[in-house]
Amino acid sequence: MTRTAAEVGPDFVPRRATSTYTVELDGEAIVLDEQRNRLHLLNASATVVWACFDASGTLDEIAHDLAESVGIARDQSVAEIVALARSLAAEGLLDGIAPDPGAHGIEIPDVDVSGLP
């Protein structure tokens, strides 16, 4: 059963969509969504959280671990990580979540590379 981004909560176990590819540059990440042909830029904090979205724990567990490591309140960490997960899910970047209608990332124009050596 596919959920919507609004249904993502602390009990959700996030997994990056198989159509995504990530490149980290200077602590930030560029995520390519190959299925929708879009790029997404993640800041340093979001990049750390994105790396944790490997289906090994719930958002609550991820938030707890990150809150301890950076010294912020767990409630604050849970709220921020759930909000980030909902945003990424709405973009179609998480498995099991239907993307929200409308494009939000940067569309990549189709380029014909068949004639290149």
N, C-alpha and C. Protein backbone atom coordinates (compact mmCIF):
# COMPACT_ATOMS: atom_id res chain seq x y z
N MET A 1 0.83 -1.18 0.00
CA MET A 1 0.00 0.00 0.00
C MET A 1 0.88 1.25 0.00
N THR A 2 0.60 2.17 -0.87
CA THR A 2 1.37 3.40 -0.98
C THR A 2 0.77 4.46 -0.07
N ARG A 3 1.62 5.12 0.68
CA ARG A 3 1.21 6.21 1.55
C ARG A 3 1.40 7.54 0.84
N THR A 4 0.85 8.59 1.44
CA THR A 4 1.12 9.95 0.97
C THR A 4 2.15 10.57 1.90
N ALA A 5 2.76 11.65 1.46
CA ALA A 5 3.77 12.33 2.27
C ALA A 5 3.18 12.80 3.60
N ALA A 6 1.92 13.22 3.61
CA ALA A 6 1.28 13.69 4.83
C ALA A 6 1.14 12.59 5.88
N GLU A 7 1.17 11.34 5.44
CA GLU A 7 1.03 10.20 6.36
C GLU A 7 2.35 9.78 6.99
N VAL A 8 3.45 10.36 6.57
CA VAL A 8 4.76 10.01 7.12
C VAL A 8 4.85 10.56 8.54
N GLY A 9 5.17 9.67 9.47
CA GLY A 9 5.30 10.07 10.87
C GLY A 9 6.52 9.43 11.51
N PRO A 10 6.68 9.58 12.80
CA PRO A 10 7.86 9.06 13.50
C PRO A 10 8.07 7.55 13.36
N ASP A 11 7.00 6.78 13.10
CA ASP A 11 7.11 5.34 12.97
C ASP A 11 7.51 4.88 11.56
N PHE A 12 7.61 5.81 10.62
CA PHE A 12 7.94 5.48 9.24
C PHE A 12 9.41 5.07 9.14
N VAL A 13 9.66 3.99 8.39
CA VAL A 13 11.02 3.52 8.13
C VAL A 13 11.40 3.96 6.72
N PRO A 14 12.23 5.00 6.60
CA PRO A 14 12.52 5.56 5.28
C PRO A 14 13.59 4.79 4.51
N ARG A 15 13.34 4.69 3.21
CA ARG A 15 14.32 4.10 2.28
C ARG A 15 14.35 5.00 1.05
N ARG A 16 15.55 5.37 0.64
CA ARG A 16 15.69 6.19 -0.56
C ARG A 16 15.14 5.42 -1.76
N ALA A 17 14.42 6.12 -2.64
CA ALA A 17 13.87 5.48 -3.83
C ALA A 17 14.99 4.90 -4.68
N THR A 18 14.73 3.78 -5.30
CA THR A 18 15.76 3.13 -6.12
C THR A 18 16.12 3.95 -7.35
N SER A 19 15.29 4.90 -7.71
CA SER A 19 15.57 5.75 -8.87
C SER A 19 16.44 6.96 -8.51
N THR A 20 16.91 7.03 -7.26
CA THR A 20 17.72 8.18 -6.84
C THR A 20 19.21 7.84 -6.81
N TYR A 21 19.99 8.83 -7.17
CA TYR A 21 21.45 8.72 -7.12
C TYR A 21 21.96 9.98 -6.43
N THR A 22 22.91 9.81 -5.53
CA THR A 22 23.38 10.92 -4.72
C THR A 22 24.86 11.17 -4.94
N VAL A 23 25.20 12.45 -5.07
CA VAL A 23 26.60 12.87 -5.14
C VAL A 23 26.79 13.93 -4.06
N GLU A 24 27.77 13.72 -3.19
CA GLU A 24 28.06 14.69 -2.14
C GLU A 24 29.21 15.59 -2.57
N LEU A 25 29.02 16.89 -2.35
CA LEU A 25 30.03 17.89 -2.66
C LEU A 25 30.12 18.87 -1.50
N ASP A 26 31.28 18.94 -0.86
CA ASP A 26 31.49 19.88 0.24
C ASP A 26 30.43 19.77 1.31
N GLY A 27 30.04 18.55 1.67
CA GLY A 27 29.09 18.33 2.75
C GLY A 27 27.63 18.44 2.36
N GLU A 28 27.35 18.89 1.15
CA GLU A 28 25.98 18.97 0.66
C GLU A 28 25.79 17.86 -0.37
N ALA A 29 24.55 17.60 -0.74
CA ALA A 29 24.29 16.53 -1.70
C ALA A 29 23.41 17.01 -2.84
N ILE A 30 23.67 16.45 -3.98
CA ILE A 30 22.80 16.61 -5.14
C ILE A 30 22.18 15.23 -5.36
N VAL A 31 20.86 15.19 -5.38
CA VAL A 31 20.13 13.94 -5.57
C VAL A 31 19.48 13.99 -6.95
N LEU A 32 19.80 13.02 -7.76
CA LEU A 32 19.18 12.87 -9.08
C LEU A 32 18.05 11.87 -8.95
N ASP A 33 16.87 12.29 -9.32
CA ASP A 33 15.72 11.38 -9.41
C ASP A 33 15.60 11.01 -10.87
N GLU A 34 16.17 9.88 -11.21
CA GLU A 34 16.23 9.46 -12.61
C GLU A 34 14.83 9.20 -13.19
N GLN A 35 13.91 8.72 -12.37
CA GLN A 35 12.56 8.41 -12.87
C GLN A 35 11.83 9.68 -13.30
N ARG A 36 11.97 10.75 -12.54
CA ARG A 36 11.27 11.99 -12.86
C ARG A 36 12.17 13.01 -13.56
N ASN A 37 13.44 12.65 -13.76
CA ASN A 37 14.42 13.49 -14.45
C ASN A 37 14.55 14.86 -13.77
N ARG A 38 14.79 14.81 -12.45
CA ARG A 38 14.89 16.03 -11.65
C ARG A 38 16.09 15.96 -10.71
N LEU A 39 16.66 17.14 -10.43
CA LEU A 39 17.74 17.28 -9.45
C LEU A 39 17.20 17.95 -8.20
N HIS A 40 17.77 17.57 -7.06
CA HIS A 40 17.41 18.16 -5.77
C HIS A 40 18.69 18.45 -5.01
N LEU A 41 18.81 19.63 -4.43
CA LEU A 41 19.98 20.01 -3.65
C LEU A 41 19.63 19.93 -2.17
N LEU A 42 20.44 19.19 -1.41
CA LEU A 42 20.25 19.06 0.03
C LEU A 42 21.36 19.81 0.74
N ASN A 43 21.00 20.59 1.77
CA ASN A 43 22.03 21.26 2.55
C ASN A 43 22.75 20.24 3.42
N ALA A 44 23.74 20.68 4.18
CA ALA A 44 24.58 19.76 4.95
C ALA A 44 23.76 18.95 5.96
N SER A 45 22.84 19.59 6.66
CA SER A 45 22.04 18.87 7.65
C SER A 45 21.15 17.83 6.99
N ALA A 46 20.49 18.21 5.91
CA ALA A 46 19.62 17.27 5.20
C ALA A 46 20.43 16.13 4.60
N THR A 47 21.66 16.40 4.20
CA THR A 47 22.52 15.36 3.64
C THR A 47 22.82 14.28 4.67
N VAL A 48 23.08 14.69 5.91
CA VAL A 48 23.34 13.73 6.99
C VAL A 48 22.12 12.86 7.22
N VAL A 49 20.95 13.48 7.27
CA VAL A 49 19.71 12.73 7.48
C VAL A 49 19.44 11.80 6.29
N TRP A 50 19.60 12.31 5.08
CA TRP A 50 19.38 11.52 3.85
C TRP A 50 20.22 10.24 3.88
N ALA A 51 21.44 10.33 4.36
CA ALA A 51 22.32 9.17 4.44
C ALA A 51 21.77 8.11 5.39
N CYS A 52 20.94 8.51 6.34
CA CYS A 52 20.34 7.58 7.31
C CYS A 52 19.10 6.88 6.77
N PHE A 53 18.60 7.31 5.63
CA PHE A 53 17.38 6.75 5.06
C PHE A 53 17.70 5.48 4.28
N ASP A 54 18.07 4.43 5.03
CA ASP A 54 18.50 3.17 4.42
C ASP A 54 17.64 1.98 4.88
N ALA A 55 16.44 2.27 5.41
CA ALA A 55 15.49 1.26 5.87
C ALA A 55 15.98 0.48 7.09
N SER A 56 16.93 1.06 7.85
CA SER A 56 17.43 0.36 9.03
C SER A 56 16.83 0.87 10.33
N GLY A 57 16.01 1.92 10.26
CA GLY A 57 15.40 2.43 11.48
C GLY A 57 14.26 3.38 11.18
N THR A 58 13.45 3.62 12.19
CA THR A 58 12.34 4.56 12.03
C THR A 58 12.86 5.99 12.09
N LEU A 59 12.02 6.92 11.66
CA LEU A 59 12.39 8.34 11.77
C LEU A 59 12.63 8.71 13.23
N ASP A 60 11.84 8.15 14.15
CA ASP A 60 12.03 8.42 15.57
C ASP A 60 13.41 7.94 16.03
N GLU A 61 13.82 6.76 15.62
CA GLU A 61 15.14 6.23 16.01
C GLU A 61 16.26 7.07 15.41
N ILE A 62 16.12 7.45 14.16
CA ILE A 62 17.12 8.30 13.51
C ILE A 62 17.21 9.64 14.24
N ALA A 63 16.06 10.22 14.56
CA ALA A 63 16.04 11.50 15.26
C ALA A 63 16.70 11.40 16.63
N HIS A 64 16.43 10.31 17.33
CA HIS A 64 17.04 10.11 18.65
C HIS A 64 18.56 10.07 18.54
N ASP A 65 19.06 9.27 17.60
CA ASP A 65 20.51 9.15 17.42
C ASP A 65 21.15 10.49 17.05
N LEU A 66 20.52 11.21 16.13
CA LEU A 66 21.09 12.49 15.69
C LEU A 66 20.98 13.55 16.79
N ALA A 67 19.89 13.53 17.56
CA ALA A 67 19.73 14.49 18.66
C ALA A 67 20.84 14.32 19.68
N GLU A 68 21.16 13.07 20.01
CA GLU A 68 22.24 12.80 20.96
C GLU A 68 23.59 13.28 20.43
N SER A 69 23.82 13.06 19.14
CA SER A 69 25.13 13.40 18.58
C SER A 69 25.35 14.90 18.42
N VAL A 70 24.28 15.67 18.23
CA VAL A 70 24.45 17.12 18.05
C VAL A 70 23.97 17.93 19.25
N GLY A 71 23.40 17.25 20.25
CA GLY A 71 23.01 17.94 21.47
C GLY A 71 21.78 18.81 21.38
N ILE A 72 20.76 18.34 20.65
CA ILE A 72 19.50 19.09 20.62
C ILE A 72 18.41 18.23 21.25
N ALA A 73 17.30 18.85 21.58
CA ALA A 73 16.18 18.12 22.19
C ALA A 73 15.61 17.10 21.22
N ARG A 74 15.27 15.94 21.77
CA ARG A 74 14.74 14.86 20.92
C ARG A 74 13.45 15.28 20.22
N ASP A 75 12.54 15.94 20.93
CA ASP A 75 11.28 16.37 20.31
C ASP A 75 11.52 17.27 19.11
N GLN A 76 12.47 18.18 19.26
CA GLN A 76 12.81 19.09 18.16
C GLN A 76 13.38 18.29 16.99
N SER A 77 14.25 17.35 17.29
CA SER A 77 14.87 16.52 16.25
C SER A 77 13.83 15.70 15.51
N VAL A 78 12.89 15.09 16.24
CA VAL A 78 11.84 14.28 15.61
C VAL A 78 11.01 15.15 14.67
N ALA A 79 10.59 16.31 15.15
CA ALA A 79 9.74 17.20 14.34
C ALA A 79 10.46 17.62 13.06
N GLU A 80 11.73 17.97 13.18
CA GLU A 80 12.49 18.42 12.00
C GLU A 80 12.73 17.29 11.01
N ILE A 81 13.04 16.10 11.51
CA ILE A 81 13.32 14.98 10.62
C ILE A 81 12.04 14.48 9.95
N VAL A 82 10.93 14.47 10.66
CA VAL A 82 9.65 14.09 10.04
C VAL A 82 9.30 15.10 8.95
N ALA A 83 9.50 16.39 9.22
CA ALA A 83 9.20 17.42 8.22
C ALA A 83 10.08 17.24 6.98
N LEU A 84 11.36 16.96 7.19
CA LEU A 84 12.26 16.73 6.06
C LEU A 84 11.82 15.49 5.28
N ALA A 85 11.50 14.41 5.98
CA ALA A 85 11.07 13.18 5.30
C ALA A 85 9.80 13.42 4.49
N ARG A 86 8.87 14.18 5.04
CA ARG A 86 7.65 14.49 4.29
C ARG A 86 7.96 15.28 3.02
N SER A 87 8.87 16.21 3.13
CA SER A 87 9.26 17.02 1.98
C SER A 87 9.92 16.15 0.91
N LEU A 88 10.84 15.30 1.31
CA LEU A 88 11.52 14.42 0.36
C LEU A 88 10.53 13.41 -0.24
N ALA A 89 9.61 12.92 0.59
CA ALA A 89 8.60 11.98 0.11
C ALA A 89 7.69 12.64 -0.93
N ALA A 90 7.31 13.88 -0.67
CA ALA A 90 6.45 14.61 -1.61
C ALA A 90 7.12 14.77 -2.96
N GLU A 91 8.45 14.81 -2.96
CA GLU A 91 9.21 14.93 -4.20
C GLU A 91 9.37 13.59 -4.92
N GLY A 92 8.93 12.49 -4.27
CA GLY A 92 9.06 11.17 -4.88
C GLY A 92 10.40 10.52 -4.62
N LEU A 93 11.11 10.97 -3.59
CA LEU A 93 12.46 10.47 -3.33
C LEU A 93 12.51 9.31 -2.34
N LEU A 94 11.36 8.93 -1.76
CA LEU A 94 11.34 7.82 -0.80
C LEU A 94 10.43 6.71 -1.30
N ASP A 95 10.87 5.47 -1.11
CA ASP A 95 10.08 4.31 -1.50
C ASP A 95 8.80 4.24 -0.67
N GLY A 96 7.72 3.79 -1.31
CA GLY A 96 6.47 3.57 -0.63
C GLY A 96 5.61 4.80 -0.43
N ILE A 97 6.06 5.94 -0.96
CA ILE A 97 5.31 7.19 -0.82
C ILE A 97 5.00 7.72 -2.23
N ALA A 98 3.74 8.00 -2.46
CA ALA A 98 3.34 8.58 -3.75
C ALA A 98 3.76 10.04 -3.79
N PRO A 99 4.46 10.46 -4.85
CA PRO A 99 4.85 11.87 -4.94
C PRO A 99 3.64 12.78 -5.08
N ASP A 100 3.76 13.98 -4.52
CA ASP A 100 2.69 14.97 -4.69
C ASP A 100 2.67 15.43 -6.13
N PRO A 101 1.50 15.80 -6.64
CA PRO A 101 1.44 16.29 -8.01
C PRO A 101 2.23 17.59 -8.17
N GLY A 102 2.76 17.77 -9.35
CA GLY A 102 3.54 18.99 -9.61
C GLY A 102 5.01 18.75 -9.38
N ALA A 103 5.83 19.38 -10.19
CA ALA A 103 7.27 19.22 -10.10
C ALA A 103 7.87 20.28 -9.19
N HIS A 104 8.82 19.87 -8.38
CA HIS A 104 9.45 20.80 -7.46
C HIS A 104 10.97 20.89 -7.67
N GLY A 105 11.58 19.82 -8.12
CA GLY A 105 13.02 19.84 -8.36
C GLY A 105 13.35 20.61 -9.62
N ILE A 106 14.60 20.59 -9.98
CA ILE A 106 15.05 21.25 -11.21
C ILE A 106 14.99 20.23 -12.33
N GLU A 107 14.21 20.53 -13.36
CA GLU A 107 14.07 19.61 -14.47
C GLU A 107 15.33 19.62 -15.31
N ILE A 108 15.77 18.44 -15.70
CA ILE A 108 16.95 18.29 -16.54
C ILE A 108 16.49 18.09 -17.97
N PRO A 109 16.91 18.96 -18.89
CA PRO A 109 16.49 18.76 -20.28
C PRO A 109 17.10 17.48 -20.85
N ASP A 110 16.35 16.83 -21.72
CA ASP A 110 16.88 15.64 -22.39
C ASP A 110 17.99 16.07 -23.34
N VAL A 111 19.10 15.38 -23.26
CA VAL A 111 20.24 15.70 -24.12
C VAL A 111 20.58 14.45 -24.91
N ASP A 112 20.70 14.60 -26.21
CA ASP A 112 21.06 13.47 -27.07
C ASP A 112 22.57 13.35 -27.10
N VAL A 113 23.07 12.26 -26.52
CA VAL A 113 24.51 12.02 -26.48
C VAL A 113 24.92 10.89 -27.42
N SER A 114 23.99 10.47 -28.27
CA SER A 114 24.27 9.32 -29.14
C SER A 114 25.39 9.60 -30.14
N GLY A 115 25.60 10.86 -30.53
CA GLY A 115 26.63 11.19 -31.50
C GLY A 115 28.00 11.46 -30.89
N LEU A 116 28.10 11.42 -29.56
CA LEU A 116 29.39 11.69 -28.91
C LEU A 116 30.28 10.46 -29.01
N PRO A 117 31.59 10.71 -29.09
CA PRO A 117 32.52 9.56 -29.18
C PRO A 117 32.56 8.74 -27.94
